[in-house]
Amino acid sequence: MSALARPRDGRWIGGVCAGLARRFGISANTMRIIFVVSCLLPGPQFLLYLALWVLLPNEKSSTSSAATGW
């Protein structure tokens, strides 16, 4: 399993669903469908998504800062 982070590629809005999908080893589209269906249930799903968007770090880029000189 990979670390929980928002990927730089393959994200739609904030990358939360793509990051969670990568962490749990499922398709990003499956995670998006799960999220949309969960929004039909009562609860703070949208607020949780916003919180994860703010709190989850971006995935580190594949090129290191040493390679660019910065």
PDB file of N, CA and C in Angstrom:
ATOM      1  N   MET A   1       0.832  -1.188   0.000  1.00  0.00           N
ATOM      2  CA  MET A   1       0.000   0.000   0.000  1.00  0.00           C
ATOM      3  C   MET A   1       0.871   1.243   0.000  1.00  0.00           C
ATOM      4  N   SER A   2       0.434   2.239  -0.723  1.00  0.00           N
ATOM      5  CA  SER A   2       1.191   3.480  -0.795  1.00  0.00           C
ATOM      6  C   SER A   2       0.732   4.441   0.296  1.00  0.00           C
ATOM      7  N   ALA A   3       1.513   5.470   0.495  1.00  0.00           N
ATOM      8  CA  ALA A   3       1.159   6.478   1.492  1.00  0.00           C
ATOM      9  C   ALA A   3      -0.058   7.259   1.011  1.00  0.00           C
ATOM     10  N   LEU A   4      -0.800   7.780   1.938  1.00  0.00           N
ATOM     11  CA  LEU A   4      -2.001   8.531   1.613  1.00  0.00           C
ATOM     12  C   LEU A   4      -1.613   9.952   1.211  1.00  0.00           C
ATOM     13  N   ALA A   5      -1.773  10.240  -0.074  1.00  0.00           N
ATOM     14  CA  ALA A   5      -1.462  11.562  -0.620  1.00  0.00           C
ATOM     15  C   ALA A   5      -2.300  11.766  -1.871  1.00  0.00           C
ATOM     16  N   ARG A   6      -2.490  13.024  -2.237  1.00  0.00           N
ATOM     17  CA  ARG A   6      -3.237  13.339  -3.456  1.00  0.00           C
ATOM     18  C   ARG A   6      -2.284  13.283  -4.641  1.00  0.00           C
ATOM     19  N   PRO A   7      -2.568  12.421  -5.635  1.00  0.00           N
ATOM     20  CA  PRO A   7      -1.655  12.290  -6.772  1.00  0.00           C
ATOM     21  C   PRO A   7      -1.662  13.532  -7.649  1.00  0.00           C
ATOM     22  N   ARG A   8      -0.570  13.734  -8.353  1.00  0.00           N
ATOM     23  CA  ARG A   8      -0.475  14.868  -9.275  1.00  0.00           C
ATOM     24  C   ARG A   8      -1.156  14.564 -10.610  1.00  0.00           C
ATOM     25  N   ASP A   9      -1.251  13.299 -10.966  1.00  0.00           N
ATOM     26  CA  ASP A   9      -1.907  12.927 -12.219  1.00  0.00           C
ATOM     27  C   ASP A   9      -3.144  12.086 -11.918  1.00  0.00           C
ATOM     28  N   GLY A  10      -4.132  12.172 -12.784  1.00  0.00           N
ATOM     29  CA  GLY A  10      -5.330  11.375 -12.631  1.00  0.00           C
ATOM     30  C   GLY A  10      -6.353  11.931 -11.654  1.00  0.00           C
ATOM     31  N   ARG A  11      -6.158  13.160 -11.208  1.00  0.00           N
ATOM     32  CA  ARG A  11      -7.143  13.726 -10.291  1.00  0.00           C
ATOM     33  C   ARG A  11      -8.146  14.566 -11.060  1.00  0.00           C
ATOM     34  N   TRP A  12      -9.330  14.667 -10.503  1.00  0.00           N
ATOM     35  CA  TRP A  12     -10.372  15.460 -11.149  1.00  0.00           C
ATOM     36  C   TRP A  12     -10.528  16.797 -10.455  1.00  0.00           C
ATOM     37  N   ILE A  13     -11.076  16.799  -9.269  1.00  0.00           N
ATOM     38  CA  ILE A  13     -11.288  18.064  -8.573  1.00  0.00           C
ATOM     39  C   ILE A  13     -10.105  18.334  -7.641  1.00  0.00           C
ATOM     40  N   GLY A  14      -9.991  17.571  -6.588  1.00  0.00           N
ATOM     41  CA  GLY A  14      -8.915  17.806  -5.640  1.00  0.00           C
ATOM     42  C   GLY A  14      -7.953  16.644  -5.532  1.00  0.00           C
ATOM     43  N   GLY A  15      -8.305  15.512  -6.116  1.00  0.00           N
ATOM     44  CA  GLY A  15      -7.450  14.341  -6.041  1.00  0.00           C
ATOM     45  C   GLY A  15      -7.693  13.466  -4.823  1.00  0.00           C
ATOM     46  N   VAL A  16      -8.714  13.796  -4.036  1.00  0.00           N
ATOM     47  CA  VAL A  16      -8.980  13.031  -2.819  1.00  0.00           C
ATOM     48  C   VAL A  16      -9.403  11.606  -3.161  1.00  0.00           C
ATOM     49  N   CYS A  17     -10.357  11.451  -4.061  1.00  0.00           N
ATOM     50  CA  CYS A  17     -10.825  10.104  -4.424  1.00  0.00           C
ATOM     51  C   CYS A  17      -9.707   9.297  -5.081  1.00  0.00           C
ATOM     52  N   ALA A  18      -8.908   9.937  -5.920  1.00  0.00           N
ATOM     53  CA  ALA A  18      -7.795   9.234  -6.567  1.00  0.00           C
ATOM     54  C   ALA A  18      -6.759   8.804  -5.540  1.00  0.00           C
ATOM     55  N   GLY A  19      -6.491   9.646  -4.557  1.00  0.00           N
ATOM     56  CA  GLY A  19      -5.535   9.302  -3.507  1.00  0.00           C
ATOM     57  C   GLY A  19      -6.035   8.172  -2.626  1.00  0.00           C
ATOM     58  N   LEU A  20      -7.316   8.229  -2.249  1.00  0.00           N
ATOM     59  CA  LEU A  20      -7.892   7.156  -1.441  1.00  0.00           C
ATOM     60  C   LEU A  20      -7.928   5.846  -2.220  1.00  0.00           C
ATOM     61  N   ALA A  21      -8.263   5.926  -3.505  1.00  0.00           N
ATOM     62  CA  ALA A  21      -8.312   4.720  -4.338  1.00  0.00           C
ATOM     63  C   ALA A  21      -6.933   4.086  -4.453  1.00  0.00           C
ATOM     64  N   ARG A  22      -5.924   4.900  -4.661  1.00  0.00           N
ATOM     65  CA  ARG A  22      -4.559   4.372  -4.754  1.00  0.00           C
ATOM     66  C   ARG A  22      -4.134   3.733  -3.433  1.00  0.00           C
ATOM     67  N   ARG A  23      -4.510   4.352  -2.320  1.00  0.00           N
ATOM     68  CA  ARG A  23      -4.140   3.842  -0.993  1.00  0.00           C
ATOM     69  C   ARG A  23      -4.771   2.477  -0.719  1.00  0.00           C
ATOM     70  N   PHE A  24      -6.032   2.307  -1.134  1.00  0.00           N
ATOM     71  CA  PHE A  24      -6.757   1.065  -0.860  1.00  0.00           C
ATOM     72  C   PHE A  24      -6.726   0.082  -2.021  1.00  0.00           C
ATOM     73  N   GLY A  25      -6.025   0.423  -3.105  1.00  0.00           N
ATOM     74  CA  GLY A  25      -5.824  -0.507  -4.205  1.00  0.00           C
ATOM     75  C   GLY A  25      -7.047  -0.765  -5.065  1.00  0.00           C
ATOM     76  N   ILE A  26      -7.874   0.264  -5.262  1.00  0.00           N
ATOM     77  CA  ILE A  26      -9.037   0.121  -6.140  1.00  0.00           C
ATOM     78  C   ILE A  26      -8.983   1.207  -7.208  1.00  0.00           C
ATOM     79  N   SER A  27      -9.880   1.112  -8.162  1.00  0.00           N
ATOM     80  CA  SER A  27      -9.944   2.082  -9.247  1.00  0.00           C
ATOM     81  C   SER A  27     -10.418   3.438  -8.730  1.00  0.00           C
ATOM     82  N   ALA A  28      -9.875   4.501  -9.295  1.00  0.00           N
ATOM     83  CA  ALA A  28     -10.291   5.849  -8.904  1.00  0.00           C
ATOM     84  C   ALA A  28     -11.755   6.079  -9.246  1.00  0.00           C
ATOM     85  N   ASN A  29     -12.202   5.562 -10.375  1.00  0.00           N
ATOM     86  CA  ASN A  29     -13.609   5.715 -10.746  1.00  0.00           C
ATOM     87  C   ASN A  29     -14.523   4.988  -9.776  1.00  0.00           C
ATOM     88  N   THR A  30     -14.099   3.839  -9.281  1.00  0.00           N
ATOM     89  CA  THR A  30     -14.883   3.116  -8.277  1.00  0.00           C
ATOM     90  C   THR A  30     -14.999   3.949  -7.011  1.00  0.00           C
ATOM     91  N   MET A  31     -13.911   4.554  -6.595  1.00  0.00           N
ATOM     92  CA  MET A  31     -13.939   5.397  -5.393  1.00  0.00           C
ATOM     93  C   MET A  31     -14.833   6.601  -5.612  1.00  0.00           C
ATOM     94  N   ARG A  32     -14.827   7.176  -6.796  1.00  0.00           N
ATOM     95  CA  ARG A  32     -15.696   8.319  -7.086  1.00  0.00           C
ATOM     96  C   ARG A  32     -17.164   7.920  -7.025  1.00  0.00           C
ATOM     97  N   ILE A  33     -17.480   6.748  -7.554  1.00  0.00           N
ATOM     98  CA  ILE A  33     -18.859   6.255  -7.502  1.00  0.00           C
ATOM     99  C   ILE A  33     -19.283   6.016  -6.056  1.00  0.00           C
ATOM    100  N   ILE A  34     -18.389   5.428  -5.256  1.00  0.00           N
ATOM    101  CA  ILE A  34     -18.685   5.203  -3.837  1.00  0.00           C
ATOM    102  C   ILE A  34     -18.958   6.533  -3.145  1.00  0.00           C
ATOM    103  N   PHE A  35     -18.167   7.551  -3.448  1.00  0.00           N
ATOM    104  CA  PHE A  35     -18.367   8.856  -2.829  1.00  0.00           C
ATOM    105  C   PHE A  35     -19.704   9.460  -3.232  1.00  0.00           C
ATOM    106  N   VAL A  36     -20.039   9.418  -4.512  1.00  0.00           N
ATOM    107  CA  VAL A  36     -21.295  10.003  -4.980  1.00  0.00           C
ATOM    108  C   VAL A  36     -22.485   9.277  -4.366  1.00  0.00           C
ATOM    109  N   VAL A  37     -22.432   7.951  -4.312  1.00  0.00           N
ATOM    110  CA  VAL A  37     -23.519   7.190  -3.700  1.00  0.00           C
ATOM    111  C   VAL A  37     -23.606   7.502  -2.209  1.00  0.00           C
ATOM    112  N   SER A  38     -22.460   7.661  -1.549  1.00  0.00           N
ATOM    113  CA  SER A  38     -22.485   7.963  -0.112  1.00  0.00           C
ATOM    114  C   SER A  38     -23.101   9.331   0.156  1.00  0.00           C
ATOM    115  N   CYS A  39     -23.032  10.226  -0.808  1.00  0.00           N
ATOM    116  CA  CYS A  39     -23.636  11.547  -0.624  1.00  0.00           C
ATOM    117  C   CYS A  39     -25.160  11.477  -0.569  1.00  0.00           C
ATOM    118  N   LEU A  40     -25.737  10.383  -1.028  1.00  0.00           N
ATOM    119  CA  LEU A  40     -27.178  10.198  -0.936  1.00  0.00           C
ATOM    120  C   LEU A  40     -27.610   9.846   0.487  1.00  0.00           C
ATOM    121  N   LEU A  41     -26.674   9.411   1.302  1.00  0.00           N
ATOM    122  CA  LEU A  41     -26.941   9.066   2.696  1.00  0.00           C
ATOM    123  C   LEU A  41     -26.720  10.296   3.569  1.00  0.00           C
ATOM    124  N   PRO A  42     -27.409  10.361   4.703  1.00  0.00           N
ATOM    125  CA  PRO A  42     -27.165  11.503   5.594  1.00  0.00           C
ATOM    126  C   PRO A  42     -25.778  11.426   6.218  1.00  0.00           C
ATOM    127  N   GLY A  43     -25.150  12.558   6.345  1.00  0.00           N
ATOM    128  CA  GLY A  43     -23.827  12.599   6.953  1.00  0.00           C
ATOM    129  C   GLY A  43     -22.976  13.702   6.362  1.00  0.00           C
ATOM    130  N   PRO A  44     -21.797  13.896   6.909  1.00  0.00           N
ATOM    131  CA  PRO A  44     -20.929  15.011   6.503  1.00  0.00           C
ATOM    132  C   PRO A  44     -19.926  14.629   5.406  1.00  0.00           C
ATOM    133  N   GLN A  45     -20.336  13.862   4.409  1.00  0.00           N
ATOM    134  CA  GLN A  45     -19.400  13.389   3.394  1.00  0.00           C
ATOM    135  C   GLN A  45     -18.721  14.541   2.658  1.00  0.00           C
ATOM    136  N   PHE A  46     -19.489  15.542   2.279  1.00  0.00           N
ATOM    137  CA  PHE A  46     -18.915  16.653   1.523  1.00  0.00           C
ATOM    138  C   PHE A  46     -17.912  17.423   2.382  1.00  0.00           C
ATOM    139  N   LEU A  47     -18.228  17.613   3.657  1.00  0.00           N
ATOM    140  CA  LEU A  47     -17.288  18.305   4.550  1.00  0.00           C
ATOM    141  C   LEU A  47     -16.029  17.473   4.765  1.00  0.00           C
ATOM    142  N   LEU A  48     -16.181  16.161   4.847  1.00  0.00           N
ATOM    143  CA  LEU A  48     -15.025  15.280   4.983  1.00  0.00           C
ATOM    144  C   LEU A  48     -14.139  15.374   3.741  1.00  0.00           C
ATOM    145  N   TYR A  49     -14.756  15.415   2.558  1.00  0.00           N
ATOM    146  CA  TYR A  49     -13.996  15.562   1.315  1.00  0.00           C
ATOM    147  C   TYR A  49     -13.194  16.864   1.332  1.00  0.00           C
ATOM    148  N   LEU A  50     -13.852  17.960   1.726  1.00  0.00           N
ATOM    149  CA  LEU A  50     -13.154  19.247   1.779  1.00  0.00           C
ATOM    150  C   LEU A  50     -12.005  19.219   2.789  1.00  0.00           C
ATOM    151  N   ALA A  51     -12.233  18.591   3.928  1.00  0.00           N
ATOM    152  CA  ALA A  51     -11.179  18.497   4.940  1.00  0.00           C
ATOM    153  C   ALA A  51      -9.996  17.690   4.416  1.00  0.00           C
ATOM    154  N   LEU A  52     -10.269  16.578   3.737  1.00  0.00           N
ATOM    155  CA  LEU A  52      -9.183  15.762   3.179  1.00  0.00           C
ATOM    156  C   LEU A  52      -8.445  16.522   2.083  1.00  0.00           C
ATOM    157  N   TRP A  53      -9.159  17.310   1.307  1.00  0.00           N
ATOM    158  CA  TRP A  53      -8.545  18.112   0.248  1.00  0.00           C
ATOM    159  C   TRP A  53      -7.522  19.072   0.858  1.00  0.00           C
ATOM    160  N   VAL A  54      -7.866  19.654   1.986  1.00  0.00           N
ATOM    161  CA  VAL A  54      -6.976  20.618   2.641  1.00  0.00           C
ATOM    162  C   VAL A  54      -5.839  19.903   3.377  1.00  0.00           C
ATOM    163  N   LEU A  55      -6.147  18.784   4.048  1.00  0.00           N
ATOM    164  CA  LEU A  55      -5.177  18.147   4.931  1.00  0.00           C
ATOM    165  C   LEU A  55      -4.219  17.176   4.248  1.00  0.00           C
ATOM    166  N   LEU A  56      -4.662  16.511   3.177  1.00  0.00           N
ATOM    167  CA  LEU A  56      -3.785  15.549   2.514  1.00  0.00           C
ATOM    168  C   LEU A  56      -2.718  16.273   1.703  1.00  0.00           C
ATOM    169  N   PRO A  57      -1.489  15.844   1.828  1.00  0.00           N
ATOM    170  CA  PRO A  57      -0.423  16.491   1.051  1.00  0.00           C
ATOM    171  C   PRO A  57      -0.479  16.062  -0.416  1.00  0.00           C
ATOM    172  N   ASN A  58       0.069  16.886  -1.274  1.00  0.00           N
ATOM    173  CA  ASN A  58       0.242  16.498  -2.666  1.00  0.00           C
ATOM    174  C   ASN A  58       1.309  15.423  -2.740  1.00  0.00           C
ATOM    175  N   GLU A  59       1.158  14.542  -3.701  1.00  0.00           N
ATOM    176  CA  GLU A  59       2.168  13.513  -3.925  1.00  0.00           C
ATOM    177  C   GLU A  59       3.457  14.190  -4.370  1.00  0.00           C
ATOM    178  N   LYS A  60       4.566  13.661  -3.931  1.00  0.00           N
ATOM    179  CA  LYS A  60       5.856  14.206  -4.346  1.00  0.00           C
ATOM    180  C   LYS A  60       6.016  13.972  -5.845  1.00  0.00           C
ATOM    181  N   SER A  61       6.613  14.927  -6.532  1.00  0.00           N
ATOM    182  CA  SER A  61       6.800  14.784  -7.970  1.00  0.00           C
ATOM    183  C   SER A  61       7.848  13.712  -8.252  1.00  0.00           C
ATOM    184  N   SER A  62       7.775  13.155  -9.442  1.00  0.00           N
ATOM    185  CA  SER A  62       8.704  12.084  -9.799  1.00  0.00           C
ATOM    186  C   SER A  62      10.120  12.611 -10.011  1.00  0.00           C
ATOM    187  N   THR A  63      10.238  13.899 -10.339  1.00  0.00           N
ATOM    188  CA  THR A  63      11.574  14.492 -10.464  1.00  0.00           C
ATOM    189  C   THR A  63      11.940  15.106  -9.135  1.00  0.00           C
ATOM    190  N   SER A  64      13.080  14.760  -8.641  1.00  0.00           N
ATOM    191  CA  SER A  64      13.494  15.273  -7.331  1.00  0.00           C
ATOM    192  C   SER A  64      14.004  16.707  -7.473  1.00  0.00           C
ATOM    193  N   SER A  65      14.014  17.405  -6.352  1.00  0.00           N
ATOM    194  CA  SER A  65      14.509  18.780  -6.379  1.00  0.00           C
ATOM    195  C   SER A  65      16.017  18.808  -6.637  1.00  0.00           C
ATOM    196  N   ALA A  66      16.716  17.714  -6.327  1.00  0.00           N
ATOM    197  CA  ALA A  66      18.145  17.668  -6.581  1.00  0.00           C
ATOM    198  C   ALA A  66      18.438  17.649  -8.077  1.00  0.00           C
ATOM    199  N   ALA A  67      17.561  17.028  -8.851  1.00  0.00           N
ATOM    200  CA  ALA A  67      17.765  16.946 -10.292  1.00  0.00           C
ATOM    201  C   ALA A  67      17.550  18.304 -10.949  1.00  0.00           C
ATOM    202  N   THR A  68      16.695  19.145 -10.375  1.00  0.00           N
ATOM    203  CA  THR A  68      16.436  20.448 -10.972  1.00  0.00           C
ATOM    204  C   THR A  68      17.367  21.526 -10.427  1.00  0.00           C
ATOM    205  N   GLY A  69      18.082  21.217  -9.355  1.00  0.00           N
ATOM    206  CA  GLY A  69      18.995  22.202  -8.805  1.00  0.00           C
ATOM    207  C   GLY A  69      18.371  23.084  -7.753  1.00  0.00           C
ATOM    208  N   TRP A  70      17.104  22.844  -7.405  1.00  0.00           N
ATOM    209  CA  TRP A  70      16.426  23.666  -6.394  1.00  0.00           C
ATOM    210  C   TRP A  70      16.156  22.880  -5.182  1.00  0.00           C
TER     211      TRP A  70
END
